[in-house]
C-alpha atoms as a PDB file:
ATOM      1  CA  MET A   1     -11.369  12.991 -42.006  1.00  0.00           C
ATOM      2  CA  THR A   2      -8.174  14.538 -41.770  1.00  0.00           C
ATOM      3  CA  LYS A   3      -6.073  14.104 -38.451  1.00  0.00           C
ATOM      4  CA  VAL A   4      -4.975  16.990 -36.950  1.00  0.00           C
ATOM      5  CA  THR A   5      -1.202  17.263 -35.915  1.00  0.00           C
ATOM      6  CA  ARG A   6       0.531  19.348 -33.204  1.00  0.00           C
ATOM      7  CA  ASP A   7       1.807  21.550 -35.953  1.00  0.00           C
ATOM      8  CA  ASP A   8      -1.710  22.532 -36.696  1.00  0.00           C
ATOM      9  CA  VAL A   9      -2.371  23.684 -33.664  1.00  0.00           C
ATOM     10  CA  ALA A  10       0.824  25.153 -33.529  1.00  0.00           C
ATOM     11  CA  ARG A  11      -0.104  27.445 -36.627  1.00  0.00           C
ATOM     12  CA  LEU A  12      -4.046  28.228 -34.796  1.00  0.00           C
ATOM     13  CA  ALA A  13      -1.924  29.460 -31.447  1.00  0.00           C
ATOM     14  CA  GLY A  14       0.537  31.372 -33.338  1.00  0.00           C
ATOM     15  CA  THR A  15       3.376  29.706 -31.209  1.00  0.00           C
ATOM     16  CA  SER A  16       5.767  27.069 -32.567  1.00  0.00           C
ATOM     17  CA  SER A  17       5.367  23.054 -32.125  1.00  0.00           C
ATOM     18  CA  ALA A  18       7.700  22.689 -28.887  1.00  0.00           C
ATOM     19  CA  VAL A  19       5.366  25.232 -26.881  1.00  0.00           C
ATOM     20  CA  VAL A  20       2.113  22.706 -28.312  1.00  0.00           C
ATOM     21  CA  SER A  21       4.100  19.858 -26.664  1.00  0.00           C
ATOM     22  CA  TYR A  22       5.571  21.546 -22.948  1.00  0.00           C
ATOM     23  CA  VAL A  23       1.342  22.805 -22.732  1.00  0.00           C
ATOM     24  CA  VAL A  24       0.036  18.731 -23.764  1.00  0.00           C
ATOM     25  CA  ASN A  25       2.800  17.320 -21.324  1.00  0.00           C
ATOM     26  CA  ASN A  26       3.099  19.655 -18.758  1.00  0.00           C
ATOM     27  CA  GLY A  27       6.700  20.238 -19.718  1.00  0.00           C
ATOM     28  CA  PRO A  28       9.613  19.771 -19.622  1.00  0.00           C
ATOM     29  CA  ARG A  29       9.420  23.631 -19.888  1.00  0.00           C
ATOM     30  CA  PRO A  30       7.652  26.467 -18.311  1.00  0.00           C
ATOM     31  CA  VAL A  31       5.074  28.175 -20.850  1.00  0.00           C
ATOM     32  CA  SER A  32       3.428  31.675 -20.227  1.00  0.00           C
ATOM     33  CA  ALA A  33      -0.076  31.549 -19.330  1.00  0.00           C
ATOM     34  CA  GLU A  34      -1.274  33.776 -22.236  1.00  0.00           C
ATOM     35  CA  LYS A  35       0.405  30.778 -24.677  1.00  0.00           C
ATOM     36  CA  ARG A  36      -0.577  28.046 -22.565  1.00  0.00           C
ATOM     37  CA  ARG A  37      -4.797  29.839 -23.202  1.00  0.00           C
ATOM     38  CA  ARG A  38      -3.658  29.673 -27.014  1.00  0.00           C
ATOM     39  CA  VAL A  39      -2.922  26.336 -26.876  1.00  0.00           C
ATOM     40  CA  LEU A  40      -5.816  24.920 -24.937  1.00  0.00           C
ATOM     41  CA  GLU A  41      -8.133  27.100 -27.150  1.00  0.00           C
ATOM     42  CA  ALA A  42      -6.679  25.549 -29.950  1.00  0.00           C
ATOM     43  CA  VAL A  43      -6.233  22.077 -28.981  1.00  0.00           C
ATOM     44  CA  LYS A  44     -10.217  22.640 -28.255  1.00  0.00           C
ATOM     45  CA  GLU A  45     -11.211  24.333 -31.316  1.00  0.00           C
ATOM     46  CA  LEU A  46      -9.185  21.556 -33.513  1.00  0.00           C
ATOM     47  CA  GLY A  47     -10.061  18.834 -31.258  1.00  0.00           C
ATOM     48  CA  TYR A  48      -6.526  17.734 -30.917  1.00  0.00           C
ATOM     49  CA  ARG A  49      -5.570  14.155 -29.219  1.00  0.00           C
ATOM     50  CA  PRO A  50      -1.930  13.623 -28.354  1.00  0.00           C
ATOM     51  CA  ASP A  51      -0.428  10.441 -30.603  1.00  0.00           C
ATOM     52  CA  ARG A  52       0.177   9.022 -26.768  1.00  0.00           C
ATOM     53  CA  VAL A  53       1.512   5.451 -28.422  1.00  0.00           C
ATOM     54  CA  ALA A  54       4.266   7.776 -31.205  1.00  0.00           C
ATOM     55  CA  GLN A  55       5.523   9.813 -28.185  1.00  0.00           C
ATOM     56  CA  ALA A  56       5.728   6.413 -26.479  1.00  0.00           C
ATOM     57  CA  MET A  57       8.076   5.231 -28.737  1.00  0.00           C
ATOM     58  CA  ALA A  58      10.031   8.136 -29.140  1.00  0.00           C
ATOM     59  CA  SER A  59      10.655   8.423 -25.504  1.00  0.00           C
ATOM     60  CA  ARG A  60      10.682   4.705 -24.901  1.00  0.00           C
ATOM     61  CA  ARG A  61       8.331   5.049 -22.105  1.00  0.00           C
ATOM     62  CA  THR A  62       4.216   5.465 -21.448  1.00  0.00           C
ATOM     63  CA  ASP A  63       2.372   7.816 -19.125  1.00  0.00           C
ATOM     64  CA  LEU A  64       1.823   4.548 -17.698  1.00  0.00           C
ATOM     65  CA  LEU A  65       3.014   3.154 -14.158  1.00  0.00           C
ATOM     66  CA  GLY A  66       2.525  -0.447 -13.178  1.00  0.00           C
ATOM     67  CA  LEU A  67       1.103  -1.245  -9.773  1.00  0.00           C
ATOM     68  CA  ILE A  68       1.533  -5.044  -8.059  1.00  0.00           C
ATOM     69  CA  VAL A  69      -0.712  -5.627  -5.394  1.00  0.00           C
ATOM     70  CA  PRO A  70      -1.152  -9.210  -3.606  1.00  0.00           C
ATOM     71  CA  ASP A  71      -4.844  -9.151  -3.452  1.00  0.00           C
ATOM     72  CA  ALA A  72      -7.080  -5.889  -4.827  1.00  0.00           C
ATOM     73  CA  ARG A  73      -9.956  -7.791  -3.486  1.00  0.00           C
ATOM     74  CA  GLN A  74      -8.917  -7.138   0.438  1.00  0.00           C
ATOM     75  CA  PRO A  75     -10.391  -3.861   1.392  1.00  0.00           C
ATOM     76  CA  PHE A  76      -6.559  -2.354   2.557  1.00  0.00           C
ATOM     77  CA  PHE A  77      -4.961  -3.273  -1.031  1.00  0.00           C
ATOM     78  CA  GLY A  78      -8.139  -2.107  -2.713  1.00  0.00           C
ATOM     79  CA  GLU A  79      -7.746   1.599  -0.828  1.00  0.00           C
ATOM     80  CA  ILE A  80      -3.958   1.634  -1.668  1.00  0.00           C
ATOM     81  CA  THR A  81      -4.348   1.087  -5.266  1.00  0.00           C
ATOM     82  CA  HIS A  82      -7.386   3.288  -4.895  1.00  0.00           C
ATOM     83  CA  ALA A  83      -4.886   5.981  -3.597  1.00  0.00           C
ATOM     84  CA  LEU A  84      -1.923   5.460  -5.757  1.00  0.00           C
ATOM     85  CA  GLU A  85      -4.469   5.316  -8.714  1.00  0.00           C
ATOM     86  CA  ARG A  86      -5.574   8.841  -7.614  1.00  0.00           C
ATOM     87  CA  ALA A  87      -2.183   9.713  -7.079  1.00  0.00           C
ATOM     88  CA  ALA A  88      -0.928   8.995 -10.284  1.00  0.00           C
ATOM     89  CA  ALA A  89      -3.556  10.935 -12.214  1.00  0.00           C
ATOM     90  CA  ASP A  90      -2.563  13.683 -10.715  1.00  0.00           C
ATOM     91  CA  ARG A  91       0.457  13.402 -12.225  1.00  0.00           C
ATOM     92  CA  GLY A  92      -0.301  12.869 -15.654  1.00  0.00           C
ATOM     93  CA  LYS A  93       0.095   9.073 -15.436  1.00  0.00           C
ATOM     94  CA  MET A  94      -2.316   6.131 -15.563  1.00  0.00           C
ATOM     95  CA  VAL A  95      -1.777   3.296 -13.534  1.00  0.00           C
ATOM     96  CA  LEU A  96      -2.128  -0.849 -14.883  1.00  0.00           C
ATOM     97  CA  VAL A  97      -2.647  -3.077 -11.939  1.00  0.00           C
ATOM     98  CA  GLY A  98      -1.910  -6.649 -11.275  1.00  0.00           C
ATOM     99  CA  ASN A  99      -2.305  -8.675  -8.558  1.00  0.00           C
ATOM    100  CA  SER A 100       0.107 -11.029  -7.324  1.00  0.00           C
ATOM    101  CA  ASP A 101      -1.421 -13.800  -4.888  1.00  0.00           C
ATOM    102  CA  TYR A 102       0.968 -13.878  -2.619  1.00  0.00           C
ATOM    103  CA  GLN A 103       3.248 -15.595  -5.249  1.00  0.00           C
ATOM    104  CA  GLU A 104       6.472 -14.802  -5.967  1.00  0.00           C
ATOM    105  CA  GLU A 105       5.675 -16.382  -9.778  1.00  0.00           C
ATOM    106  CA  ARG A 106       3.397 -13.944 -10.274  1.00  0.00           C
ATOM    107  CA  GLU A 107       4.927 -10.896  -8.788  1.00  0.00           C
ATOM    108  CA  ILE A 108       7.629 -11.736 -12.038  1.00  0.00           C
ATOM    109  CA  HIS A 109       5.508 -12.340 -14.303  1.00  0.00           C
ATOM    110  CA  TYR A 110       3.953  -8.822 -13.804  1.00  0.00           C
ATOM    111  CA  LEU A 111       7.177  -6.939 -13.456  1.00  0.00           C
ATOM    112  CA  HIS A 112       7.973  -8.667 -16.696  1.00  0.00           C
ATOM    113  CA  ALA A 113       4.845  -7.855 -18.372  1.00  0.00           C
ATOM    114  CA  PHE A 114       5.080  -4.030 -17.040  1.00  0.00           C
ATOM    115  CA  LEU A 115       8.535  -3.250 -18.328  1.00  0.00           C
ATOM    116  CA  GLY A 116       7.679  -4.820 -21.824  1.00  0.00           C
ATOM    117  CA  MET A 117       4.968  -2.137 -21.934  1.00  0.00           C
ATOM    118  CA  ARG A 118       7.694   0.414 -21.173  1.00  0.00           C
ATOM    119  CA  VAL A 119       5.799   1.856 -18.245  1.00  0.00           C
ATOM    120  CA  SER A 120       7.484   5.019 -16.868  1.00  0.00           C
ATOM    121  CA  ALA A 121       7.988   3.587 -13.171  1.00  0.00           C
ATOM    122  CA  LEU A 122       6.401  -0.077 -11.356  1.00  0.00           C
ATOM    123  CA  ILE A 123       5.414  -0.093  -7.501  1.00  0.00           C
ATOM    124  CA  LEU A 124       5.670  -2.825  -5.944  1.00  0.00           C
ATOM    125  CA  VAL A 125       3.362  -3.866  -3.006  1.00  0.00           C
ATOM    126  CA  SER A 126       4.466  -6.630  -1.318  1.00  0.00           C
ATOM    127  CA  LEU A 127       4.715  -8.702   2.036  1.00  0.00           C
ATOM    128  CA  GLY A 128       8.217  -9.311   1.735  1.00  0.00           C
ATOM    129  CA  LEU A 129       9.909  -9.933  -1.418  1.00  0.00           C
ATOM    130  CA  GLY A 130      11.633 -13.432  -2.397  1.00  0.00           C
ATOM    131  CA  ASP A 131      15.210 -13.742  -3.597  1.00  0.00           C
ATOM    132  CA  ARG A 132      14.163 -14.065  -6.964  1.00  0.00           C
ATOM    133  CA  ALA A 133      12.193 -11.349  -6.904  1.00  0.00           C
ATOM    134  CA  ALA A 134      14.669  -9.346  -5.476  1.00  0.00           C
ATOM    135  CA  ALA A 135      17.275 -10.256  -7.936  1.00  0.00           C
ATOM    136  CA  GLU A 136      14.905  -9.197 -10.889  1.00  0.00           C
ATOM    137  CA  ILE A 137      14.322  -5.617  -9.297  1.00  0.00           C
ATOM    138  CA  ASP A 138      18.336  -5.123  -9.070  1.00  0.00           C
ATOM    139  CA  THR A 139      19.204  -5.620 -12.528  1.00  0.00           C
ATOM    140  CA  MET A 140      16.287  -3.275 -13.859  1.00  0.00           C
ATOM    141  CA  ASP A 141      17.323   0.129 -14.992  1.00  0.00           C
ATOM    142  CA  THR A 142      13.587   1.092 -14.662  1.00  0.00           C
ATOM    143  CA  ARG A 143      12.472   2.788 -11.466  1.00  0.00           C
ATOM    144  CA  VAL A 144      11.109   0.902  -9.008  1.00  0.00           C
ATOM    145  CA  VAL A 145       9.320   1.871  -5.639  1.00  0.00           C
ATOM    146  CA  LEU A 146       8.841  -0.778  -2.679  1.00  0.00           C
ATOM    147  CA  MET A 147       5.596   0.197  -0.751  1.00  0.00           C
ATOM    148  CA  HIS A 148       4.155  -1.331   2.441  1.00  0.00           C
ATOM    149  CA  GLU A 149       7.447  -3.098   3.288  1.00  0.00           C
ATOM    150  CA  ARG A 150      11.117  -2.884   3.281  1.00  0.00           C
ATOM    151  CA  SER A 151      13.698  -4.515   1.785  1.00  0.00           C
ATOM    152  CA  ALA A 152      17.466  -5.488   3.299  1.00  0.00           C
ATOM    153  CA  SER A 153      18.391  -6.726   0.153  1.00  0.00           C
ATOM    154  CA  VAL A 154      17.024  -4.562  -2.223  1.00  0.00           C
ATOM    155  CA  ARG A 155      18.252  -1.338  -2.746  1.00  0.00           C
ATOM    156  CA  LYS A 156      15.242   0.530  -3.900  1.00  0.00           C
ATOM    157  CA  PHE A 157      13.476   3.479  -3.039  1.00  0.00           C
ATOM    158  CA  ALA A 158      10.701   2.551  -0.140  1.00  0.00           C
ATOM    159  CA  VAL A 159       7.327   3.731   1.209  1.00  0.00           C
ATOM    160  CA  VAL A 160       6.303   1.932   4.701  1.00  0.00           C
ATOM    161  CA  THR A 161       4.678   2.218   7.606  1.00  0.00           C
ATOM    162  CA  ASP A 162       6.661   1.950  11.345  1.00  0.00           C
ATOM    163  CA  ASP A 163       4.592  -1.398  11.492  1.00  0.00           C
ATOM    164  CA  ILE A 164       6.529  -2.305  14.907  1.00  0.00           C
ATOM    165  CA  GLU A 165       5.535   0.326  16.902  1.00  0.00           C
ATOM    166  CA  GLY A 166       1.664   0.509  15.319  1.00  0.00           C
ATOM    167  CA  ALA A 167       1.751  -3.282  16.811  1.00  0.00           C
ATOM    168  CA  ARG A 168       3.428  -2.278  20.037  1.00  0.00           C
ATOM    169  CA  LEU A 169       0.415   1.153  20.435  1.00  0.00           C
ATOM    170  CA  ALA A 170      -2.382  -1.451  19.881  1.00  0.00           C
ATOM    171  CA  THR A 171      -1.192  -4.521  22.169  1.00  0.00           C
ATOM    172  CA  ARG A 172      -0.253  -1.742  24.715  1.00  0.00           C
ATOM    173  CA  HIS A 173      -3.479  -0.393  24.905  1.00  0.00           C
ATOM    174  CA  LEU A 174      -4.905  -3.980  25.464  1.00  0.00           C
ATOM    175  CA  LEU A 175      -2.451  -4.634  28.155  1.00  0.00           C
ATOM    176  CA  GLN A 176      -3.894  -1.327  29.997  1.00  0.00           C
ATOM    177  CA  HIS A 177      -7.063  -2.809  29.926  1.00  0.00           C
ATOM    178  CA  GLY A 178      -5.833  -4.759  32.357  1.00  0.00           C
ATOM    179  CA  HIS A 179      -6.117  -8.234  30.246  1.00  0.00           C
ATOM    180  CA  THR A 180      -2.861 -10.494  31.265  1.00  0.00           C
ATOM    181  CA  ALA A 181      -2.351 -12.458  27.990  1.00  0.00           C
ATOM    182  CA  VAL A 182      -3.358 -10.824  25.144  1.00  0.00           C
ATOM    183  CA  ALA A 183      -2.941 -13.518  21.668  1.00  0.00           C
ATOM    184  CA  CYS A 184      -1.699 -12.830  18.347  1.00  0.00           C
ATOM    185  CA  LEU A 185      -3.053 -13.752  15.240  1.00  0.00           C
ATOM    186  CA  GLY A 186      -0.125 -13.284  12.723  1.00  0.00           C
ATOM    187  CA  GLY A 187       0.168 -14.783   9.506  1.00  0.00           C
ATOM    188  CA  PRO A 188       0.011 -18.019   7.512  1.00  0.00           C
ATOM    189  CA  GLU A 189       2.473 -20.857   8.702  1.00  0.00           C
ATOM    190  CA  SER A 190       5.145 -20.352   6.060  1.00  0.00           C
ATOM    191  CA  ALA A 191       8.430 -18.340   7.578  1.00  0.00           C
ATOM    192  CA  PRO A 192       7.654 -14.595   6.572  1.00  0.00           C
ATOM    193  CA  ARG A 193      10.083 -13.588   4.450  1.00  0.00           C
ATOM    194  CA  ALA A 194      12.397 -10.602   5.400  1.00  0.00           C
ATOM    195  CA  GLY A 195      10.414  -6.996   5.468  1.00  0.00           C
ATOM    196  CA  ASP A 196       6.972  -8.734   5.809  1.00  0.00           C
ATOM    197  CA  PRO A 197       5.159  -5.922   7.603  1.00  0.00           C
ATOM    198  CA  VAL A 198       2.808  -8.435   9.459  1.00  0.00           C
ATOM    199  CA  ALA A 199       5.820 -10.437  10.921  1.00  0.00           C
ATOM    200  CA  ASP A 200       6.449  -6.708  11.705  1.00  0.00           C
ATOM    201  CA  HIS A 201       3.752  -6.405  13.741  1.00  0.00           C
ATOM    202  CA  VAL A 202       3.986  -9.435  15.474  1.00  0.00           C
ATOM    203  CA  GLU A 203       7.730  -8.514  16.526  1.00  0.00           C
ATOM    204  CA  GLY A 204       5.794  -5.559  17.747  1.00  0.00           C
ATOM    205  CA  TRP A 205       3.525  -7.638  19.921  1.00  0.00           C
ATOM    206  CA  ARG A 206       6.448  -9.531  21.100  1.00  0.00           C
ATOM    207  CA  LYS A 207       8.119  -6.199  22.032  1.00  0.00           C
ATOM    208  CA  ALA A 208       4.994  -4.613  24.343  1.00  0.00           C
ATOM    209  CA  MET A 209       4.564  -8.216  25.823  1.00  0.00           C
ATOM    210  CA  ALA A 210       7.927  -8.008  26.726  1.00  0.00           C
ATOM    211  CA  ASP A 211       7.821  -4.379  28.130  1.00  0.00           C
ATOM    212  CA  ALA A 212       5.027  -5.628  30.068  1.00  0.00           C
ATOM    213  CA  GLY A 213       7.093  -8.609  31.597  1.00  0.00           C
ATOM    214  CA  ARG A 214       4.260 -10.683  29.948  1.00  0.00           C
ATOM    215  CA  SER A 215       4.991 -14.233  28.033  1.00  0.00           C
ATOM    216  CA  THR A 216       4.155 -14.957  24.377  1.00  0.00           C
ATOM    217  CA  GLU A 217       4.462 -18.813  24.697  1.00  0.00           C
ATOM    218  CA  GLY A 218       1.403 -20.645  23.149  1.00  0.00           C
ATOM    219  CA  LEU A 219      -0.283 -17.112  21.983  1.00  0.00           C
ATOM    220  CA  LEU A 220       0.959 -16.954  18.209  1.00  0.00           C
ATOM    221  CA  PHE A 221      -1.670 -18.265  16.341  1.00  0.00           C
ATOM    222  CA  ARG A 222      -1.182 -18.228  12.546  1.00  0.00           C
ATOM    223  CA  ALA A 223      -4.061 -17.330  10.105  1.00  0.00           C
ATOM    224  CA  PRO A 224      -4.378 -16.227   6.354  1.00  0.00           C
ATOM    225  CA  TYR A 225      -4.135 -12.611   6.158  1.00  0.00           C
ATOM    226  CA  ASN A 226      -8.336 -12.710   5.067  1.00  0.00           C
ATOM    227  CA  ARG A 227     -11.376 -12.502   6.958  1.00  0.00           C
ATOM    228  CA  TYR A 228     -13.020 -15.727   5.527  1.00  0.00           C
ATOM    229  CA  GLY A 229      -9.333 -18.226   6.122  1.00  0.00           C
ATOM    230  CA  THR A 230      -9.488 -16.350   9.483  1.00  0.00           C
ATOM    231  CA  TYR A 231     -13.037 -16.943  10.277  1.00  0.00           C
ATOM    232  CA  GLU A 232     -12.154 -20.657  10.246  1.00  0.00           C
ATOM    233  CA  ILE A 233      -9.452 -20.077  12.753  1.00  0.00           C
ATOM    234  CA  ALA A 234     -11.478 -18.217  15.012  1.00  0.00           C
ATOM    235  CA  LEU A 235     -14.421 -20.118  15.010  1.00  0.00           C
ATOM    236  CA  ARG A 236     -11.866 -23.110  16.939  1.00  0.00           C
ATOM    237  CA  LEU A 237     -10.007 -20.855  18.452  1.00  0.00           C
ATOM    238  CA  LEU A 238     -12.889 -19.066  20.404  1.00  0.00           C
ATOM    239  CA  ALA A 239     -14.674 -22.371  21.310  1.00  0.00           C
ATOM    240  CA  ALA A 240     -11.110 -23.991  22.811  1.00  0.00           C
ATOM    241  CA  PRO A 241     -10.967 -24.032  26.694  1.00  0.00           C
ATOM    242  CA  GLY A 242      -9.323 -21.322  28.139  1.00  0.00           C
ATOM    243  CA  ARG A 243      -9.946 -18.628  24.750  1.00  0.00           C
ATOM    244  CA  PRO A 244      -8.157 -15.839  25.355  1.00  0.00           C
ATOM    245  CA  THR A 245     -10.033 -12.629  26.750  1.00  0.00           C
ATOM    246  CA  ALA A 246      -8.118 -10.228  24.011  1.00  0.00           C
ATOM    247  CA  VAL A 247      -6.447 -10.810  20.962  1.00  0.00           C
ATOM    248  CA  PHE A 248      -4.635  -8.620  18.111  1.00  0.00           C
ATOM    249  CA  CYS A 249      -4.861  -8.858  15.045  1.00  0.00           C
ATOM    250  CA  SER A 250      -2.269  -8.276  12.371  1.00  0.00           C
ATOM    251  CA  THR A 251      -4.597  -7.129   9.340  1.00  0.00           C
ATOM    252  CA  ASP A 252      -8.206  -5.377   9.752  1.00  0.00           C
ATOM    253  CA  ASP A 253      -9.635  -8.208   7.733  1.00  0.00           C
ATOM    254  CA  GLN A 254      -8.257 -10.762  10.235  1.00  0.00           C
ATOM    255  CA  ALA A 255     -10.120  -9.025  12.719  1.00  0.00           C
ATOM    256  CA  ILE A 256     -13.209  -8.838  11.247  1.00  0.00           C
ATOM    257  CA  GLY A 257     -12.974 -12.629  10.379  1.00  0.00           C
ATOM    258  CA  LEU A 258     -12.617 -12.817  14.747  1.00  0.00           C
ATOM    259  CA  LEU A 259     -15.515 -10.247  14.993  1.00  0.00           C
ATOM    260  CA  ARG A 260     -17.622 -12.768  12.733  1.00  0.00           C
ATOM    261  CA  ALA A 261     -16.649 -15.441  14.892  1.00  0.00           C
ATOM    262  CA  ALA A 262     -17.174 -14.257  17.896  1.00  0.00           C
ATOM    263  CA  ARG A 263     -20.733 -12.987  17.307  1.00  0.00           C
ATOM    264  CA  GLU A 264     -21.406 -16.691  16.327  1.00  0.00           C
ATOM    265  CA  LEU A 265     -20.270 -18.176  19.271  1.00  0.00           C
ATOM    266  CA  GLY A 266     -22.194 -16.002  21.376  1.00  0.00           C
ATOM    267  CA  VAL A 267     -18.685 -14.334  22.971  1.00  0.00           C
ATOM    268  CA  ASP A 268     -19.357 -10.533  23.548  1.00  0.00           C
ATOM    269  CA  VAL A 269     -17.062  -8.480  22.164  1.00  0.00           C
ATOM    270  CA  PRO A 270     -15.483  -6.127  24.045  1.00  0.00           C
ATOM    271  CA  GLY A 271     -17.185  -7.961  26.828  1.00  0.00           C
ATOM    272  CA  GLU A 272     -15.562 -11.237  26.757  1.00  0.00           C
ATOM    273  CA  LEU A 273     -12.909 -10.548  24.085  1.00  0.00           C
ATOM    274  CA  ALA A 274     -11.209  -7.717  23.220  1.00  0.00           C
ATOM    275  CA  VAL A 275      -9.763  -6.838  19.441  1.00  0.00           C
ATOM    276  CA  ALA A 276      -7.616  -5.035  17.786  1.00  0.00           C
ATOM    277  CA  GLY A 277      -6.155  -4.480  14.426  1.00  0.00           C
ATOM    278  CA  PHE A 278      -3.864  -3.352  12.181  1.00  0.00           C
ATOM    279  CA  ASP A 279      -4.688  -1.010   8.614  1.00  0.00           C
ATOM    280  CA  ASP A 280      -7.684   1.018   9.710  1.00  0.00           C
ATOM    281  CA  VAL A 281      -9.486  -0.132   6.444  1.00  0.00           C
ATOM    282  CA  LYS A 282     -12.315   2.092   6.476  1.00  0.00           C
ATOM    283  CA  GLU A 283     -14.631  -1.315   7.141  1.00  0.00           C
ATOM    284  CA  ALA A 284     -13.329  -1.178  10.470  1.00  0.00           C
ATOM    285  CA  ALA A 285     -14.819   2.082  11.666  1.00  0.00           C
ATOM    286  CA  MET A 286     -18.557  -0.003  10.206  1.00  0.00           C
ATOM    287  CA  THR A 287     -17.902  -3.470  12.230  1.00  0.00           C
ATOM    288  CA  ASP A 288     -20.067  -4.574  15.864  1.00  0.00           C
ATOM    289  CA  PRO A 289     -18.240  -3.340  17.636  1.00  0.00           C
ATOM    290  CA  PRO A 290     -16.608  -0.405  15.853  1.00  0.00           C
ATOM    291  CA  LEU A 291     -12.508  -1.453  15.778  1.00  0.00           C
ATOM    292  CA  THR A 292      -9.894  -0.364  17.526  1.00  0.00           C
ATOM    293  CA  THR A 293      -7.137  -0.603  15.035  1.00  0.00           C
ATOM    294  CA  VAL A 294      -3.552   1.277  13.803  1.00  0.00           C
ATOM    295  CA  ALA A 295      -3.730   3.730  10.969  1.00  0.00           C
ATOM    296  CA  SER A 296      -1.078   5.454   8.496  1.00  0.00           C
ATOM    297  CA  ASP A 297      -2.120   8.605   6.558  1.00  0.00           C
ATOM    298  CA  ARG A 298      -2.498   5.969   2.994  1.00  0.00           C
ATOM    299  CA  GLN A 299      -3.219   9.277   0.801  1.00  0.00           C
ATOM    300  CA  ALA A 300       0.269  10.785   1.987  1.00  0.00           C
ATOM    301  CA  MET A 301       2.122   7.477   1.404  1.00  0.00           C
ATOM    302  CA  ALA A 302       0.851   6.687  -2.064  1.00  0.00           C
ATOM    303  CA  ARG A 303       1.946  10.908  -2.990  1.00  0.00           C
ATOM    304  CA  THR A 304       5.028   9.986  -2.044  1.00  0.00           C
ATOM    305  CA  ALA A 305       5.328   6.675  -3.721  1.00  0.00           C
ATOM    306  CA  VAL A 306       3.955   7.947  -6.778  1.00  0.00           C
ATOM    307  CA  ASP A 307       6.575  11.070  -6.950  1.00  0.00           C
ATOM    308  CA  MET A 308       9.085   8.790  -5.581  1.00  0.00           C
ATOM    309  CA  ALA A 309       8.520   6.860  -9.089  1.00  0.00           C
ATOM    310  CA  LEU A 310       8.482   9.790 -11.342  1.00  0.00           C
ATOM    311  CA  ASP A 311      10.740  12.686 -10.073  1.00  0.00           C
ATOM    312  CA  ALA A 312      13.750  12.516 -12.361  1.00  0.00           C
ATOM    313  CA  ASP A 313      16.276  14.800  -9.744  1.00  0.00           C
ATOM    314  CA  LEU A 314      15.886  11.083  -7.093  1.00  0.00           C
ATOM    315  CA  ASP A 315      18.416   9.877  -9.695  1.00  0.00           C
ATOM    316  CA  THR A 316      21.293  11.340  -7.858  1.00  0.00           C
ATOM    317  CA  VAL A 317      20.448   9.579  -4.336  1.00  0.00           C
ATOM    318  CA  THR A 318      23.037   6.842  -3.979  1.00  0.00           C
ATOM    319  CA  PRO A 319      22.214   3.359  -3.295  1.00  0.00           C
ATOM    320  CA  GLY A 320      22.050   2.268  -0.195  1.00  0.00           C
ATOM    321  CA  ALA A 321      21.456   6.150   1.349  1.00  0.00           C
ATOM    322  CA  GLY A 322      19.111   4.444   3.792  1.00  0.00           C
ATOM    323  CA  THR A 323      16.969   7.545   4.885  1.00  0.00           C
ATOM    324  CA  ASP A 324      17.405   9.184   1.529  1.00  0.00           C
ATOM    325  CA  ARG A 325      15.607   6.141  -0.137  1.00  0.00           C
ATOM    326  CA  THR A 326      12.940   5.303   2.179  1.00  0.00           C
ATOM    327  CA  ARG A 327      10.308   7.049   3.552  1.00  0.00           C
ATOM    328  CA  ARG A 328       8.841   5.924   6.666  1.00  0.00           C
ATOM    329  CA  PHE A 329       5.489   7.221   7.741  1.00  0.00           C
ATOM    330  CA  PRO A 330       4.068   7.011  12.277  1.00  0.00           C
ATOM    331  CA  SER A 331       1.443   4.751  13.083  1.00  0.00           C
ATOM    332  CA  ARG A 332      -1.158   5.873  15.028  1.00  0.00           C
ATOM    333  CA  LEU A 333      -3.855   4.069  17.467  1.00  0.00           C
ATOM    334  CA  VAL A 334      -7.125   4.472  16.109  1.00  0.00           C
ATOM    335  CA  VAL A 335      -9.341   3.988  19.235  1.00  0.00           C
ATOM    336  CA  ARG A 336     -13.065   2.973  18.788  1.00  0.00           C
ATOM    337  CA  THR A 337     -15.110   0.242  20.930  1.00  0.00           C
ATOM    338  CA  SER A 338     -13.971  -3.415  20.254  1.00  0.00           C
ATOM    339  CA  CYS A 339     -11.187  -3.148  22.802  1.00  0.00           C
ATOM    340  CA  GLY A 340     -13.365  -2.131  25.582  1.00  0.00           C
ATOM    341  CA  CYS A 341     -13.097   1.600  25.446  1.00  0.00           C
ATOM    342  CA  PRO A 342     -16.197   3.847  25.973  1.00  0.00           C
ATOM    343  CA  ALA A 343     -17.575   5.435  22.515  1.00  0.00           C
ATOM    344  CA  ALA A 344     -16.728   8.083  21.722  1.00  0.00           C
END
C-alpha cells in the first residue's frame, strides 16, 4: 500500500504542504479555521500519519520530554510523574521516565541517555544535585528544568515549593495543640546535599521550634524517605522510654509508616501521638486517622515545569536572574485529624 505523504494531504485539502505541517504540528505559524478544517478532514480521509522520525532528524529534536525522578513507586513522585505526563500531553509531547533511585550515577546515566534520544527538554526531580550531576547539566544546551528542589550551583529553571514555610506551618500547628517537644523525622543519615527539600523541611521544623522557644536537642530522628524503612525506625522510636507526643514527618510516606507502627504498638493517634506529614499525597486522606499534612498545587507546578521546558521565549532570560528562572509555589496546611483536630 502506497504511503500517504504530506503532499497528498495538501492536494486533497487545496493547501500548501507548509500549511499541512502547521496544522499537524500546531505551529509555528497560525492557520485559519477553514484551512485547518480542510486539512484535518483530508488527514482523516487519507489516514495520514506524520513521520515523527523524519521530523526529529530534520529538527534534531523529538516530541519527547525526558523526566528523571528518584522513585516513581513512591506516591509523591508517582503523582508528580502523572501530572507532568498530562501537562506534556496537552503540549503535544510524550514523556520518557527514568528512576534514579536517589543515586547520582543513575541521574547522570539518564541525562546522557535522554540527550541521545534528542528529547526536546529535560525535567529533573531530585533531592539535591550532586557535584558531578550539576556539572553535567551546566554543560548541556538542551533545556533543563529542576522540579521539587532548588540548586544554588546550577543556574537552570526551577519549579519549587516553599518547603521551609510549609514545615514551619505543620510544626507550629502541632505546638498549638500543647505539645512542648515536637520530634522530627528527617531524611537518611547521609549528609543532605544543597537543595534537598527534606533538608528544608528539617530547617522549617527547627525555625518553628525556635520561634516557640523550644529546644530541638535529641528530637531529630533519621529515617528513609519511604514508609517501609520508616516503619522499622518508628517501632523502635515508639517503644523507647520517653517517646515523643508529637512528630512532624518530612514526607507523607514516612508518616504512613509511623502510623502503621503506632497502630501495631497500640499507641493511639492522636490521643497519645499527634502526627503531621508533608506532600499531601492522595493516600493521606485515606489513612487512619486521616493525615494532617502540607500541600502545594502540584498540577499547576507540573504545567509550569512543562511550559518552562518548552517555551522558546524563555531563552532570553539570563542565567542567574533569580526569580525570573525560579517559580516558587506557596505551601498550605491541610488539617485532618491525625494532629488532634476534630473531623471537619
